[in-house]
Amino acid sequence: MLIFILALIVNYFKIADMKAKLKAIDKWTRRRLRACLWKQWKKIKTKFKNLKRLGVPEYKAWQYANTRKGYWRISNSPILNKTLNNQYWLNQGFKTFSIQYKKLNLT
């Protein structure tokens, strides 16, 4: 369903130059996905274990797992930006608007 909506949006704006707008939407979407994933992990132990699995050093993983900052604020942290980067989301199957726009744009 999401791919269908993505195709509709990109096809609708195919004529206009939407590169910058779609990159901004992609950036916001990835941040929202990071916030949702962080919220899904819930417990400190789970956050710590998943951060270590993603390659964060143990002391930093423990520091970020114990943070009292909100989901939205932590979603823009350097640790989550490095570990849950664009390549991570592409491997998970998330297709960005800007990539789809580049495929469909004729100019």
Protein backbone atom coordinates (compact mmCIF):
# COMPACT_ATOMS: atom_id res chain seq x y z
CA MET A 1 0.00 0.00 0.00
CA LEU A 2 2.81 2.40 0.90
CA ILE A 3 4.56 1.76 -2.43
CA PHE A 4 1.31 2.57 -4.26
CA ILE A 5 0.96 5.88 -2.36
CA LEU A 6 4.63 6.62 -3.01
CA ALA A 7 4.16 6.05 -6.73
CA LEU A 8 1.08 8.30 -6.78
CA ILE A 9 2.86 11.17 -5.04
CA VAL A 10 5.95 10.92 -7.21
CA ASN A 11 3.93 10.65 -10.42
CA TYR A 12 1.80 13.63 -9.40
CA PHE A 13 4.87 15.82 -8.91
CA LYS A 14 6.88 14.36 -11.80
CA ILE A 15 6.53 17.49 -13.90
CA ALA A 16 7.59 19.90 -11.15
CA ASP A 17 11.07 20.08 -9.69
CA MET A 18 10.43 18.46 -6.32
CA LYS A 19 13.92 17.25 -5.45
CA ALA A 20 14.41 19.50 -2.41
CA LYS A 21 10.89 18.97 -1.07
CA LEU A 22 11.09 15.20 -1.40
CA LYS A 23 14.49 15.13 0.33
CA ALA A 24 12.99 17.09 3.22
CA ILE A 25 10.07 14.66 3.40
CA ASP A 26 12.52 11.73 3.34
CA LYS A 27 14.56 13.26 6.14
CA TRP A 28 11.47 13.79 8.31
CA THR A 29 10.18 10.27 7.54
CA ARG A 30 13.46 8.63 8.54
CA ARG A 31 13.49 10.61 11.79
CA ARG A 32 9.92 9.53 12.50
CA LEU A 33 10.85 5.90 11.80
CA ARG A 34 13.79 6.18 14.21
CA ALA A 35 11.49 7.63 16.88
CA CYS A 36 8.96 4.84 16.37
CA LEU A 37 11.65 2.16 16.54
CA TRP A 38 13.10 3.72 19.71
CA LYS A 39 9.62 3.76 21.25
CA GLN A 40 9.04 0.16 20.21
CA TRP A 41 12.16 -0.97 22.09
CA LYS A 42 10.56 0.33 25.36
CA LYS A 43 12.85 -1.15 28.04
CA ILE A 44 16.37 0.05 28.82
CA LYS A 45 17.68 -3.49 28.48
CA THR A 46 16.19 -3.84 24.99
CA LYS A 47 17.53 -0.46 23.86
CA PHE A 48 20.99 -1.35 25.17
CA LYS A 49 20.99 -4.76 23.49
CA ASN A 50 19.80 -3.40 20.12
CA LEU A 51 22.27 -0.51 20.14
CA LYS A 52 25.12 -2.93 20.84
CA ARG A 53 23.89 -5.16 18.02
CA LEU A 54 23.99 -2.15 15.69
CA GLY A 55 27.65 -1.55 16.53
CA VAL A 56 27.55 1.16 19.19
CA PRO A 57 30.30 0.90 21.85
CA GLU A 58 29.03 -0.53 25.13
CA TYR A 59 29.49 2.61 27.24
CA LYS A 60 27.68 4.79 24.66
CA ALA A 61 24.91 2.23 24.24
CA TRP A 62 24.35 2.19 28.00
CA GLN A 63 24.44 6.00 28.13
CA TYR A 64 21.81 6.38 25.38
CA ALA A 65 19.65 3.51 26.61
CA ASN A 66 19.35 5.27 30.00
CA THR A 67 18.55 8.72 28.62
CA ARG A 68 15.48 10.54 29.88
CA LYS A 69 15.06 12.56 26.72
CA GLY A 70 11.90 12.17 24.66
CA TYR A 71 11.50 9.93 21.62
CA TRP A 72 11.52 12.76 19.10
CA ARG A 73 14.61 14.39 20.57
CA ILE A 74 16.61 11.16 20.79
CA SER A 75 15.64 10.27 17.21
CA ASN A 76 17.91 13.09 16.00
CA SER A 77 20.87 12.03 18.18
CA PRO A 78 24.23 11.24 16.56
CA ILE A 79 24.09 7.63 17.76
CA LEU A 80 20.75 6.84 16.09
CA ASN A 81 21.69 8.85 12.99
CA LYS A 82 24.83 6.73 12.53
CA THR A 83 23.31 3.35 13.34
CA LEU A 84 19.86 3.72 11.79
CA ASN A 85 21.14 5.46 8.67
CA ASN A 86 19.80 5.49 5.12
CA GLN A 87 21.40 2.15 4.27
CA TYR A 88 19.72 0.50 7.27
CA TRP A 89 16.29 1.64 6.10
CA LEU A 90 16.99 0.58 2.49
CA ASN A 91 17.93 -2.88 3.80
CA GLN A 92 14.64 -2.94 5.72
CA GLY A 93 12.73 -2.26 2.49
CA PHE A 94 11.98 1.46 2.90
CA LYS A 95 11.97 3.18 -0.47
CA THR A 96 12.56 6.90 -0.38
CA PHE A 97 10.57 9.48 -2.30
CA SER A 98 13.71 11.07 -3.77
CA ILE A 99 14.96 7.77 -5.23
CA GLN A 100 11.57 7.11 -6.81
CA TYR A 101 11.51 10.68 -8.14
CA LYS A 102 14.94 10.22 -9.74
CA LYS A 103 13.73 7.04 -11.46
CA LEU A 104 10.60 8.71 -12.85
CA ASN A 105 11.91 12.20 -13.61
CA LEU A 106 12.62 12.68 -17.30
CA THR A 107 14.52 15.99 -17.02
